[in-house]
């Protein structure tokens, strides 16, 4: 999950959940243990999330950021198509049409 850095404009320099968590904690000058106590988790979990050995769930990240005085805002945006690639459902439709065309040509033979 890529997130916008705290205090930056969305779309610039996306960060991982671990980076956002670490930056928020450091801005508030809170230790991993203090954050763990505030959020009801362990210092080991905080270290794993910040080190990206594991990723927190959205709910866990929201709880942690709330404990630090931040709100978690998620935004969804349309996926962009790469040139020359068909994505998702349209690819299935194209493939189905090609299969039907192939069947028809075999029948006409």
PDB file of N, CA and C in Angstrom:
ATOM      1  N   UNK A   1       0.850  -1.160   0.000  1.00  0.00           N
ATOM      2  CA  UNK A   1       0.000   0.000   0.000  1.00  0.00           C
ATOM      3  C   UNK A   1       0.897   1.224   0.000  1.00  0.00           C
ATOM      4  N   UNK A   2       0.748   2.098  -0.984  1.00  0.00           N
ATOM      5  CA  UNK A   2       1.515   3.333  -1.040  1.00  0.00           C
ATOM      6  C   UNK A   2       0.673   4.458  -0.468  1.00  0.00           C
ATOM      7  N   UNK A   3       1.272   5.240   0.382  1.00  0.00           N
ATOM      8  CA  UNK A   3       0.575   6.336   1.033  1.00  0.00           C
ATOM      9  C   UNK A   3       1.307   7.645   0.791  1.00  0.00           C
ATOM     10  N   UNK A   4       0.595   8.737   0.935  1.00  0.00           N
ATOM     11  CA  UNK A   4       1.200  10.057   0.781  1.00  0.00           C
ATOM     12  C   UNK A   4       1.896  10.407   2.098  1.00  0.00           C
ATOM     13  N   UNK A   5       3.078  10.982   2.036  1.00  0.00           N
ATOM     14  CA  UNK A   5       3.767  11.356   3.268  1.00  0.00           C
ATOM     15  C   UNK A   5       2.970  12.381   4.049  1.00  0.00           C
ATOM     16  N   UNK A   6       3.160  12.372   5.345  1.00  0.00           N
ATOM     17  CA  UNK A   6       2.472  13.323   6.200  1.00  0.00           C
ATOM     18  C   UNK A   6       2.873  14.749   5.835  1.00  0.00           C
ATOM     19  N   UNK A   7       1.882  15.603   5.658  1.00  0.00           N
ATOM     20  CA  UNK A   7       2.143  16.994   5.362  1.00  0.00           C
ATOM     21  C   UNK A   7       2.522  17.280   3.924  1.00  0.00           C
ATOM     22  N   UNK A   8       2.390  16.310   3.018  1.00  0.00           N
ATOM     23  CA  UNK A   8       2.739  16.501   1.617  1.00  0.00           C
ATOM     24  C   UNK A   8       1.489  16.379   0.747  1.00  0.00           C
ATOM     25  N   UNK A   9       1.586  16.865  -0.445  1.00  0.00           N
ATOM     26  CA  UNK A   9       0.488  16.807  -1.396  1.00  0.00           C
ATOM     27  C   UNK A   9       0.314  15.384  -1.909  1.00  0.00           C
ATOM     28  N   UNK A  10      -0.943  14.883  -1.943  1.00  0.00           N
ATOM     29  CA  UNK A  10      -1.167  13.549  -2.504  1.00  0.00           C
ATOM     30  C   UNK A  10      -0.613  13.453  -3.920  1.00  0.00           C
ATOM     31  N   UNK A  11      -0.064  12.304  -4.236  1.00  0.00           N
ATOM     32  CA  UNK A  11       0.499  12.104  -5.564  1.00  0.00           C
ATOM     33  C   UNK A  11       1.998  12.319  -5.598  1.00  0.00           C
ATOM     34  N   UNK A  12       2.554  12.923  -4.580  1.00  0.00           N
ATOM     35  CA  UNK A  12       3.987  13.141  -4.532  1.00  0.00           C
ATOM     36  C   UNK A  12       4.616  12.161  -3.557  1.00  0.00           C
ATOM     37  N   UNK A  13       5.681  11.524  -3.981  1.00  0.00           N
ATOM     38  CA  UNK A  13       6.468  10.645  -3.136  1.00  0.00           C
ATOM     39  C   UNK A  13       5.628   9.660  -2.307  1.00  0.00           C
ATOM     40  N   UNK A  14       4.962   8.698  -2.917  1.00  0.00           N
ATOM     41  CA  UNK A  14       4.197   7.741  -2.121  1.00  0.00           C
ATOM     42  C   UNK A  14       5.103   6.966  -1.185  1.00  0.00           C
ATOM     43  N   UNK A  15       4.591   6.660  -0.027  1.00  0.00           N
ATOM     44  CA  UNK A  15       5.343   5.925   0.978  1.00  0.00           C
ATOM     45  C   UNK A  15       4.593   4.656   1.349  1.00  0.00           C
ATOM     46  N   UNK A  16       5.320   3.726   1.925  1.00  0.00           N
ATOM     47  CA  UNK A  16       4.688   2.516   2.443  1.00  0.00           C
ATOM     48  C   UNK A  16       4.053   2.836   3.796  1.00  0.00           C
ATOM     49  N   UNK A  17       3.204   1.932   4.264  1.00  0.00           N
ATOM     50  CA  UNK A  17       2.568   2.113   5.566  1.00  0.00           C
ATOM     51  C   UNK A  17       3.626   2.210   6.663  1.00  0.00           C
ATOM     52  N   UNK A  18       4.673   1.410   6.566  1.00  0.00           N
ATOM     53  CA  UNK A  18       5.745   1.442   7.563  1.00  0.00           C
ATOM     54  C   UNK A  18       6.464   2.777   7.602  1.00  0.00           C
ATOM     55  N   UNK A  19       6.712   3.355   6.434  1.00  0.00           N
ATOM     56  CA  UNK A  19       7.383   4.661   6.369  1.00  0.00           C
ATOM     57  C   UNK A  19       6.498   5.762   6.950  1.00  0.00           C
ATOM     58  N   UNK A  20       5.206   5.714   6.630  1.00  0.00           N
ATOM     59  CA  UNK A  20       4.276   6.710   7.174  1.00  0.00           C
ATOM     60  C   UNK A  20       4.219   6.602   8.687  1.00  0.00           C
ATOM     61  N   UNK A  21       4.136   5.381   9.187  1.00  0.00           N
ATOM     62  CA  UNK A  21       4.078   5.153  10.631  1.00  0.00           C
ATOM     63  C   UNK A  21       5.345   5.665  11.312  1.00  0.00           C
ATOM     64  N   UNK A  22       6.489   5.316  10.768  1.00  0.00           N
ATOM     65  CA  UNK A  22       7.765   5.752  11.349  1.00  0.00           C
ATOM     66  C   UNK A  22       7.883   7.282  11.340  1.00  0.00           C
ATOM     67  N   UNK A  23       7.515   7.906  10.205  1.00  0.00           N
ATOM     68  CA  UNK A  23       7.605   9.364  10.105  1.00  0.00           C
ATOM     69  C   UNK A  23       6.679  10.044  11.108  1.00  0.00           C
ATOM     70  N   UNK A  24       5.453   9.533  11.239  1.00  0.00           N
ATOM     71  CA  UNK A  24       4.494  10.115  12.180  1.00  0.00           C
ATOM     72  C   UNK A  24       4.996   9.978  13.616  1.00  0.00           C
ATOM     73  N   UNK A  25       5.532   8.815  13.942  1.00  0.00           N
ATOM     74  CA  UNK A  25       6.040   8.580  15.298  1.00  0.00           C
ATOM     75  C   UNK A  25       7.218   9.491  15.609  1.00  0.00           C
ATOM     76  N   UNK A  26       8.129   9.627  14.658  1.00  0.00           N
ATOM     77  CA  UNK A  26       9.302  10.486  14.877  1.00  0.00           C
ATOM     78  C   UNK A  26       8.926  11.958  14.982  1.00  0.00           C
ATOM     79  N   UNK A  27       7.939  12.396  14.192  1.00  0.00           N
ATOM     80  CA  UNK A  27       7.488  13.796  14.271  1.00  0.00           C
ATOM     81  C   UNK A  27       6.933  14.124  15.648  1.00  0.00           C
ATOM     82  N   UNK A  28       6.291  13.151  16.265  1.00  0.00           N
ATOM     83  CA  UNK A  28       5.718  13.346  17.600  1.00  0.00           C
ATOM     84  C   UNK A  28       6.730  13.051  18.709  1.00  0.00           C
ATOM     85  N   UNK A  29       7.932  12.622  18.313  1.00  0.00           N
ATOM     86  CA  UNK A  29       9.009  12.301  19.264  1.00  0.00           C
ATOM     87  C   UNK A  29       8.562  11.271  20.303  1.00  0.00           C
ATOM     88  N   UNK A  30       7.984  10.194  19.762  1.00  0.00           N
ATOM     89  CA  UNK A  30       7.486   9.093  20.580  1.00  0.00           C
ATOM     90  C   UNK A  30       8.317   7.860  20.251  1.00  0.00           C
ATOM     91  N   UNK A  31       8.669   7.077  21.258  1.00  0.00           N
ATOM     92  CA  UNK A  31       9.411   5.840  21.021  1.00  0.00           C
ATOM     93  C   UNK A  31       8.454   4.760  20.540  1.00  0.00           C
ATOM     94  N   UNK A  32       9.027   3.698  20.002  1.00  0.00           N
ATOM     95  CA  UNK A  32       8.204   2.565  19.576  1.00  0.00           C
ATOM     96  C   UNK A  32       7.432   1.989  20.763  1.00  0.00           C
ATOM     97  N   UNK A  33       8.084   1.898  21.918  1.00  0.00           N
ATOM     98  CA  UNK A  33       7.431   1.348  23.110  1.00  0.00           C
ATOM     99  C   UNK A  33       6.286   2.242  23.558  1.00  0.00           C
ATOM    100  N   UNK A  34       6.497   3.562  23.538  1.00  0.00           N
ATOM    101  CA  UNK A  34       5.433   4.489  23.940  1.00  0.00           C
ATOM    102  C   UNK A  34       4.228   4.377  23.001  1.00  0.00           C
ATOM    103  N   UNK A  35       4.495   4.277  21.683  1.00  0.00           N
ATOM    104  CA  UNK A  35       3.408   4.121  20.722  1.00  0.00           C
ATOM    105  C   UNK A  35       2.680   2.801  20.942  1.00  0.00           C
ATOM    106  N   UNK A  36       3.433   1.750  21.199  1.00  0.00           N
ATOM    107  CA  UNK A  36       2.826   0.439  21.453  1.00  0.00           C
ATOM    108  C   UNK A  36       1.898   0.519  22.665  1.00  0.00           C
ATOM    109  N   UNK A  37       2.329   1.189  23.716  1.00  0.00           N
ATOM    110  CA  UNK A  37       1.496   1.334  24.912  1.00  0.00           C
ATOM    111  C   UNK A  37       0.230   2.143  24.612  1.00  0.00           C
ATOM    112  N   UNK A  38       0.373   3.223  23.843  1.00  0.00           N
ATOM    113  CA  UNK A  38      -0.774   4.060  23.481  1.00  0.00           C
ATOM    114  C   UNK A  38      -1.794   3.316  22.631  1.00  0.00           C
ATOM    115  N   UNK A  39      -1.306   2.470  21.713  1.00  0.00           N
ATOM    116  CA  UNK A  39      -2.167   1.801  20.738  1.00  0.00           C
ATOM    117  C   UNK A  39      -2.576   0.393  21.160  1.00  0.00           C
ATOM    118  N   UNK A  40      -2.067  -0.095  22.267  1.00  0.00           N
ATOM    119  CA  UNK A  40      -2.442  -1.422  22.738  1.00  0.00           C
ATOM    120  C   UNK A  40      -1.829  -2.554  21.937  1.00  0.00           C
ATOM    121  N   UNK A  41      -0.574  -2.379  21.532  1.00  0.00           N
ATOM    122  CA  UNK A  41       0.124  -3.433  20.799  1.00  0.00           C
ATOM    123  C   UNK A  41       1.512  -3.601  21.417  1.00  0.00           C
ATOM    124  N   UNK A  42       2.399  -4.270  20.716  1.00  0.00           N
ATOM    125  CA  UNK A  42       3.741  -4.490  21.263  1.00  0.00           C
ATOM    126  C   UNK A  42       4.782  -3.680  20.497  1.00  0.00           C
ATOM    127  N   UNK A  43       5.895  -3.432  21.150  1.00  0.00           N
ATOM    128  CA  UNK A  43       7.005  -2.724  20.514  1.00  0.00           C
ATOM    129  C   UNK A  43       7.546  -3.544  19.353  1.00  0.00           C
ATOM    130  N   UNK A  44       7.525  -4.856  19.480  1.00  0.00           N
ATOM    131  CA  UNK A  44       7.997  -5.739  18.407  1.00  0.00           C
ATOM    132  C   UNK A  44       7.153  -5.570  17.145  1.00  0.00           C
ATOM    133  N   UNK A  45       5.829  -5.460  17.313  1.00  0.00           N
ATOM    134  CA  UNK A  45       4.952  -5.251  16.161  1.00  0.00           C
ATOM    135  C   UNK A  45       5.256  -3.921  15.485  1.00  0.00           C
ATOM    136  N   UNK A  46       5.439  -2.882  16.274  1.00  0.00           N
ATOM    137  CA  UNK A  46       5.759  -1.561  15.716  1.00  0.00           C
ATOM    138  C   UNK A  46       7.050  -1.639  14.906  1.00  0.00           C
ATOM    139  N   UNK A  47       8.063  -2.295  15.473  1.00  0.00           N
ATOM    140  CA  UNK A  47       9.356  -2.426  14.788  1.00  0.00           C
ATOM    141  C   UNK A  47       9.208  -3.200  13.481  1.00  0.00           C
ATOM    142  N   UNK A  48       8.423  -4.256  13.478  1.00  0.00           N
ATOM    143  CA  UNK A  48       8.213  -5.052  12.252  1.00  0.00           C
ATOM    144  C   UNK A  48       7.491  -4.235  11.186  1.00  0.00           C
ATOM    145  N   UNK A  49       6.475  -3.467  11.601  1.00  0.00           N
ATOM    146  CA  UNK A  49       5.736  -2.644  10.643  1.00  0.00           C
ATOM    147  C   UNK A  49       6.613  -1.543  10.069  1.00  0.00           C
ATOM    148  N   UNK A  50       7.364  -0.872  10.944  1.00  0.00           N
ATOM    149  CA  UNK A  50       8.238   0.211  10.470  1.00  0.00           C
ATOM    150  C   UNK A  50       9.367  -0.331   9.597  1.00  0.00           C
ATOM    151  N   UNK A  51       9.862  -1.512   9.921  1.00  0.00           N
ATOM    152  CA  UNK A  51      10.934  -2.125   9.146  1.00  0.00           C
ATOM    153  C   UNK A  51      10.442  -2.870   7.926  1.00  0.00           C
ATOM    154  N   UNK A  52       9.134  -2.895   7.747  1.00  0.00           N
ATOM    155  CA  UNK A  52       8.472  -3.510   6.608  1.00  0.00           C
ATOM    156  C   UNK A  52       8.666  -5.020   6.519  1.00  0.00           C
ATOM    157  N   UNK A  53       8.959  -5.634   7.669  1.00  0.00           N
ATOM    158  CA  UNK A  53       8.988  -7.091   7.711  1.00  0.00           C
ATOM    159  C   UNK A  53       7.547  -7.609   7.647  1.00  0.00           C
ATOM    160  N   UNK A  54       6.619  -6.776   8.085  1.00  0.00           N
ATOM    161  CA  UNK A  54       5.182  -7.051   8.028  1.00  0.00           C
ATOM    162  C   UNK A  54       4.463  -5.747   7.735  1.00  0.00           C
ATOM    163  N   UNK A  55       3.214  -5.848   7.330  1.00  0.00           N
ATOM    164  CA  UNK A  55       2.406  -4.657   7.070  1.00  0.00           C
ATOM    165  C   UNK A  55       1.216  -4.640   8.012  1.00  0.00           C
ATOM    166  N   UNK A  56       0.919  -3.476   8.611  1.00  0.00           N
ATOM    167  CA  UNK A  56      -0.271  -3.397   9.463  1.00  0.00           C
ATOM    168  C   UNK A  56      -1.522  -3.409   8.590  1.00  0.00           C
ATOM    169  N   UNK A  57      -2.633  -3.847   9.159  1.00  0.00           N
ATOM    170  CA  UNK A  57      -3.898  -3.736   8.448  1.00  0.00           C
ATOM    171  C   UNK A  57      -4.282  -2.261   8.415  1.00  0.00           C
ATOM    172  N   UNK A  58      -5.246  -1.919   7.596  1.00  0.00           N
ATOM    173  CA  UNK A  58      -5.711  -0.531   7.540  1.00  0.00           C
ATOM    174  C   UNK A  58      -6.233  -0.115   8.916  1.00  0.00           C
ATOM    175  N   UNK A  59      -6.970  -1.009   9.558  1.00  0.00           N
ATOM    176  CA  UNK A  59      -7.489  -0.705  10.894  1.00  0.00           C
ATOM    177  C   UNK A  59      -6.359  -0.475  11.897  1.00  0.00           C
ATOM    178  N   UNK A  60      -5.337  -1.317  11.863  1.00  0.00           N
ATOM    179  CA  UNK A  60      -4.210  -1.138  12.779  1.00  0.00           C
ATOM    180  C   UNK A  60      -3.489   0.180  12.508  1.00  0.00           C
ATOM    181  N   UNK A  61      -3.272   0.486  11.226  1.00  0.00           N
ATOM    182  CA  UNK A  61      -2.599   1.737  10.868  1.00  0.00           C
ATOM    183  C   UNK A  61      -3.416   2.937  11.333  1.00  0.00           C
ATOM    184  N   UNK A  62      -4.737   2.888  11.147  1.00  0.00           N
ATOM    185  CA  UNK A  62      -5.606   3.981  11.599  1.00  0.00           C
ATOM    186  C   UNK A  62      -5.520   4.161  13.106  1.00  0.00           C
ATOM    187  N   UNK A  63      -5.505   3.055  13.846  1.00  0.00           N
ATOM    188  CA  UNK A  63      -5.404   3.103  15.304  1.00  0.00           C
ATOM    189  C   UNK A  63      -4.074   3.712  15.743  1.00  0.00           C
ATOM    190  N   UNK A  64      -2.992   3.281  15.101  1.00  0.00           N
ATOM    191  CA  UNK A  64      -1.664   3.792  15.446  1.00  0.00           C
ATOM    192  C   UNK A  64      -1.545   5.279  15.151  1.00  0.00           C
ATOM    193  N   UNK A  65      -2.017   5.694  13.968  1.00  0.00           N
ATOM    194  CA  UNK A  65      -1.938   7.109  13.600  1.00  0.00           C
ATOM    195  C   UNK A  65      -2.840   7.956  14.486  1.00  0.00           C
ATOM    196  N   UNK A  66      -4.001   7.413  14.866  1.00  0.00           N
ATOM    197  CA  UNK A  66      -4.900   8.119  15.775  1.00  0.00           C
ATOM    198  C   UNK A  66      -4.223   8.347  17.126  1.00  0.00           C
ATOM    199  N   UNK A  67      -3.502   7.338  17.607  1.00  0.00           N
ATOM    200  CA  UNK A  67      -2.779   7.460  18.876  1.00  0.00           C
ATOM    201  C   UNK A  67      -1.721   8.567  18.807  1.00  0.00           C
ATOM    202  N   UNK A  68      -1.244   8.848  17.587  1.00  0.00           N
ATOM    203  CA  UNK A  68      -0.245   9.899  17.390  1.00  0.00           C
ATOM    204  C   UNK A  68      -0.874  11.247  17.025  1.00  0.00           C
ATOM    205  N   UNK A  69      -2.207  11.270  16.918  1.00  0.00           N
ATOM    206  CA  UNK A  69      -2.891  12.521  16.610  1.00  0.00           C
ATOM    207  C   UNK A  69      -3.086  12.797  15.128  1.00  0.00           C
ATOM    208  N   UNK A  70      -3.005  11.755  14.314  1.00  0.00           N
ATOM    209  CA  UNK A  70      -3.206  11.887  12.871  1.00  0.00           C
ATOM    210  C   UNK A  70      -4.441  11.100  12.451  1.00  0.00           C
ATOM    211  N   UNK A  71      -5.091  11.566  11.382  1.00  0.00           N
ATOM    212  CA  UNK A  71      -6.192  10.826  10.764  1.00  0.00           C
ATOM    213  C   UNK A  71      -5.644  10.110   9.543  1.00  0.00           C
ATOM    214  N   UNK A  72      -6.154   8.916   9.285  1.00  0.00           N
ATOM    215  CA  UNK A  72      -5.781   8.174   8.087  1.00  0.00           C
ATOM    216  C   UNK A  72      -6.812   8.464   7.016  1.00  0.00           C
ATOM    217  N   UNK A  73      -6.358   8.951   5.880  1.00  0.00           N
ATOM    218  CA  UNK A  73      -7.246   9.236   4.764  1.00  0.00           C
ATOM    219  C   UNK A  73      -6.821   8.382   3.585  1.00  0.00           C
ATOM    220  N   UNK A  74      -7.739   7.565   3.097  1.00  0.00           N
ATOM    221  CA  UNK A  74      -7.462   6.713   1.952  1.00  0.00           C
ATOM    222  C   UNK A  74      -8.221   7.239   0.754  1.00  0.00           C
ATOM    223  N   UNK A  75      -7.600   7.200  -0.397  1.00  0.00           N
ATOM    224  CA  UNK A  75      -8.244   7.628  -1.627  1.00  0.00           C
ATOM    225  C   UNK A  75      -8.081   6.541  -2.667  1.00  0.00           C
ATOM    226  N   UNK A  76      -9.134   6.318  -3.412  1.00  0.00           N
ATOM    227  CA  UNK A  76      -9.077   5.367  -4.511  1.00  0.00           C
ATOM    228  C   UNK A  76      -9.088   6.161  -5.805  1.00  0.00           C
ATOM    229  N   UNK A  77      -8.276   5.730  -6.746  1.00  0.00           N
ATOM    230  CA  UNK A  77      -8.262   6.387  -8.048  1.00  0.00           C
ATOM    231  C   UNK A  77      -8.232   5.310  -9.119  1.00  0.00           C
ATOM    232  N   UNK A  78      -8.723   5.644 -10.298  1.00  0.00           N
ATOM    233  CA  UNK A  78      -8.729   4.639 -11.369  1.00  0.00           C
ATOM    234  C   UNK A  78      -7.310   4.199 -11.718  1.00  0.00           C
ATOM    235  N   UNK A  79      -7.188   2.925 -12.007  1.00  0.00           N
ATOM    236  CA  UNK A  79      -5.895   2.407 -12.458  1.00  0.00           C
ATOM    237  C   UNK A  79      -5.636   2.927 -13.861  1.00  0.00           C
ATOM    238  N   UNK A  80      -4.405   3.246 -14.149  1.00  0.00           N
ATOM    239  CA  UNK A  80      -4.074   3.726 -15.490  1.00  0.00           C
ATOM    240  C   UNK A  80      -3.670   2.550 -16.354  1.00  0.00           C
ATOM    241  N   UNK A  81      -4.055   2.606 -17.613  1.00  0.00           N
ATOM    242  CA  UNK A  81      -3.679   1.550 -18.546  1.00  0.00           C
ATOM    243  C   UNK A  81      -2.300   1.829 -19.098  1.00  0.00           C
ATOM    244  N   UNK A  82      -1.528   0.812 -19.188  1.00  0.00           N
ATOM    245  CA  UNK A  82      -0.234   0.927 -19.843  1.00  0.00           C
ATOM    246  C   UNK A  82      -0.451   0.752 -21.327  1.00  0.00           C
ATOM    247  N   UNK A  83       0.303   1.475 -22.091  1.00  0.00           N
ATOM    248  CA  UNK A  83       0.129   1.421 -23.536  1.00  0.00           C
ATOM    249  C   UNK A  83       0.346   0.003 -24.042  1.00  0.00           C
ATOM    250  N   UNK A  84      -0.586  -0.451 -24.872  1.00  0.00           N
ATOM    251  CA  UNK A  84      -0.458  -1.772 -25.477  1.00  0.00           C
ATOM    252  C   UNK A  84      -0.975  -2.900 -24.617  1.00  0.00           C
ATOM    253  N   UNK A  85      -1.489  -2.584 -23.424  1.00  0.00           N
ATOM    254  CA  UNK A  85      -2.008  -3.638 -22.559  1.00  0.00           C
ATOM    255  C   UNK A  85      -3.497  -3.451 -22.361  1.00  0.00           C
ATOM    256  N   UNK A  86      -4.218  -4.527 -22.313  1.00  0.00           N
ATOM    257  CA  UNK A  86      -5.633  -4.504 -22.005  1.00  0.00           C
ATOM    258  C   UNK A  86      -5.769  -5.007 -20.579  1.00  0.00           C
ATOM    259  N   UNK A  87      -6.576  -4.313 -19.789  1.00  0.00           N
ATOM    260  CA  UNK A  87      -6.691  -4.677 -18.390  1.00  0.00           C
ATOM    261  C   UNK A  87      -8.063  -5.241 -18.076  1.00  0.00           C
ATOM    262  N   UNK A  88      -8.098  -6.121 -17.083  1.00  0.00           N
ATOM    263  CA  UNK A  88      -9.321  -6.568 -16.463  1.00  0.00           C
ATOM    264  C   UNK A  88     -10.362  -7.174 -17.380  1.00  0.00           C
ATOM    265  N   UNK A  89     -11.594  -6.723 -17.193  1.00  0.00           N
ATOM    266  CA  UNK A  89     -12.745  -7.294 -17.863  1.00  0.00           C
ATOM    267  C   UNK A  89     -12.661  -7.161 -19.379  1.00  0.00           C
ATOM    268  N   UNK A  90     -12.130  -6.032 -19.857  1.00  0.00           N
ATOM    269  CA  UNK A  90     -12.051  -5.854 -21.310  1.00  0.00           C
ATOM    270  C   UNK A  90     -11.141  -6.911 -21.937  1.00  0.00           C
ATOM    271  N   UNK A  91     -10.143  -7.360 -21.195  1.00  0.00           N
ATOM    272  CA  UNK A  91      -9.262  -8.412 -21.713  1.00  0.00           C
ATOM    273  C   UNK A  91     -10.045  -9.721 -21.861  1.00  0.00           C
ATOM    274  N   UNK A  92     -10.905 -10.005 -20.881  1.00  0.00           N
ATOM    275  CA  UNK A  92     -11.729 -11.208 -20.970  1.00  0.00           C
ATOM    276  C   UNK A  92     -12.669 -11.130 -22.159  1.00  0.00           C
ATOM    277  N   UNK A  93     -13.272  -9.953 -22.354  1.00  0.00           N
ATOM    278  CA  UNK A  93     -14.181  -9.795 -23.487  1.00  0.00           C
ATOM    279  C   UNK A  93     -13.444  -9.973 -24.801  1.00  0.00           C
ATOM    280  N   UNK A  94     -12.282  -9.348 -24.930  1.00  0.00           N
ATOM    281  CA  UNK A  94     -11.509  -9.481 -26.166  1.00  0.00           C
ATOM    282  C   UNK A  94     -11.156 -10.943 -26.420  1.00  0.00           C
ATOM    283  N   UNK A  95     -10.741 -11.633 -25.379  1.00  0.00           N
ATOM    284  CA  UNK A  95     -10.383 -13.037 -25.520  1.00  0.00           C
ATOM    285  C   UNK A  95     -11.570 -13.881 -25.916  1.00  0.00           C
ATOM    286  N   UNK A  96     -12.748 -13.592 -25.350  1.00  0.00           N
ATOM    287  CA  UNK A  96     -13.959 -14.331 -25.705  1.00  0.00           C
ATOM    288  C   UNK A  96     -14.346 -14.116 -27.149  1.00  0.00           C
ATOM    289  N   UNK A  97     -14.211 -12.895 -27.628  1.00  0.00           N
ATOM    290  CA  UNK A  97     -14.551 -12.614 -29.017  1.00  0.00           C
ATOM    291  C   UNK A  97     -13.587 -13.331 -29.956  1.00  0.00           C
ATOM    292  N   UNK A  98     -12.345 -13.353 -29.610  1.00  0.00           N
ATOM    293  CA  UNK A  98     -11.356 -14.027 -30.452  1.00  0.00           C
ATOM    294  C   UNK A  98     -11.652 -15.526 -30.508  1.00  0.00           C
ATOM    295  N   UNK A  99     -12.070 -16.085 -29.359  1.00  0.00           N
ATOM    296  CA  UNK A  99     -12.399 -17.510 -29.351  1.00  0.00           C
ATOM    297  C   UNK A  99     -13.607 -17.791 -30.230  1.00  0.00           C
ATOM    298  N   UNK A 100     -14.622 -16.916 -30.150  1.00  0.00           N
ATOM    299  CA  UNK A 100     -15.810 -17.121 -30.980  1.00  0.00           C
ATOM    300  C   UNK A 100     -15.465 -17.011 -32.454  1.00  0.00           C
ATOM    301  N   UNK A 101     -14.645 -16.038 -32.805  1.00  0.00           N
ATOM    302  CA  UNK A 101     -14.233 -15.898 -34.205  1.00  0.00           C
ATOM    303  C   UNK A 101     -13.497 -17.149 -34.656  1.00  0.00           C
ATOM    304  N   UNK A 102     -12.664 -17.695 -33.784  1.00  0.00           N
ATOM    305  CA  UNK A 102     -11.913 -18.893 -34.117  1.00  0.00           C
ATOM    306  C   UNK A 102     -12.825 -20.082 -34.363  1.00  0.00           C
ATOM    307  N   UNK A 103     -13.868 -20.219 -33.570  1.00  0.00           N
ATOM    308  CA  UNK A 103     -14.816 -21.307 -33.718  1.00  0.00           C
ATOM    309  C   UNK A 103     -15.596 -21.176 -35.022  1.00  0.00           C
ATOM    310  N   UNK A 104     -15.991 -19.970 -35.307  1.00  0.00           N
ATOM    311  CA  UNK A 104     -16.759 -19.747 -36.540  1.00  0.00           C
ATOM    312  C   UNK A 104     -15.943 -20.114 -37.765  1.00  0.00           C
ATOM    313  N   UNK A 105     -14.692 -19.734 -37.764  1.00  0.00           N
ATOM    314  CA  UNK A 105     -13.876 -20.024 -38.951  1.00  0.00           C
ATOM    315  C   UNK A 105     -13.673 -21.531 -39.115  1.00  0.00           C
ATOM    316  N   UNK A 106     -13.613 -22.273 -37.995  1.00  0.00           N
ATOM    317  CA  UNK A 106     -13.454 -23.723 -38.089  1.00  0.00           C
ATOM    318  C   UNK A 106     -14.727 -24.361 -38.659  1.00  0.00           C
ATOM    319  N   UNK A 107     -15.903 -23.831 -38.244  1.00  0.00           N
ATOM    320  CA  UNK A 107     -17.173 -24.385 -38.723  1.00  0.00           C
ATOM    321  C   UNK A 107     -17.356 -24.151 -40.207  1.00  0.00           C
ATOM    322  N   UNK A 108     -16.890 -23.026 -40.699  1.00  0.00           N
ATOM    323  CA  UNK A 108     -17.091 -22.705 -42.115  1.00  0.00           C
ATOM    324  C   UNK A 108     -16.187 -23.525 -43.016  1.00  0.00           C
ATOM    325  N   UNK A 109     -15.208 -24.171 -42.465  1.00  0.00           N
ATOM    326  CA  UNK A 109     -14.271 -24.968 -43.270  1.00  0.00           C
ATOM    327  C   UNK A 109     -14.825 -26.257 -43.680  1.00  0.00           C
TER     328      UNK A 109
END
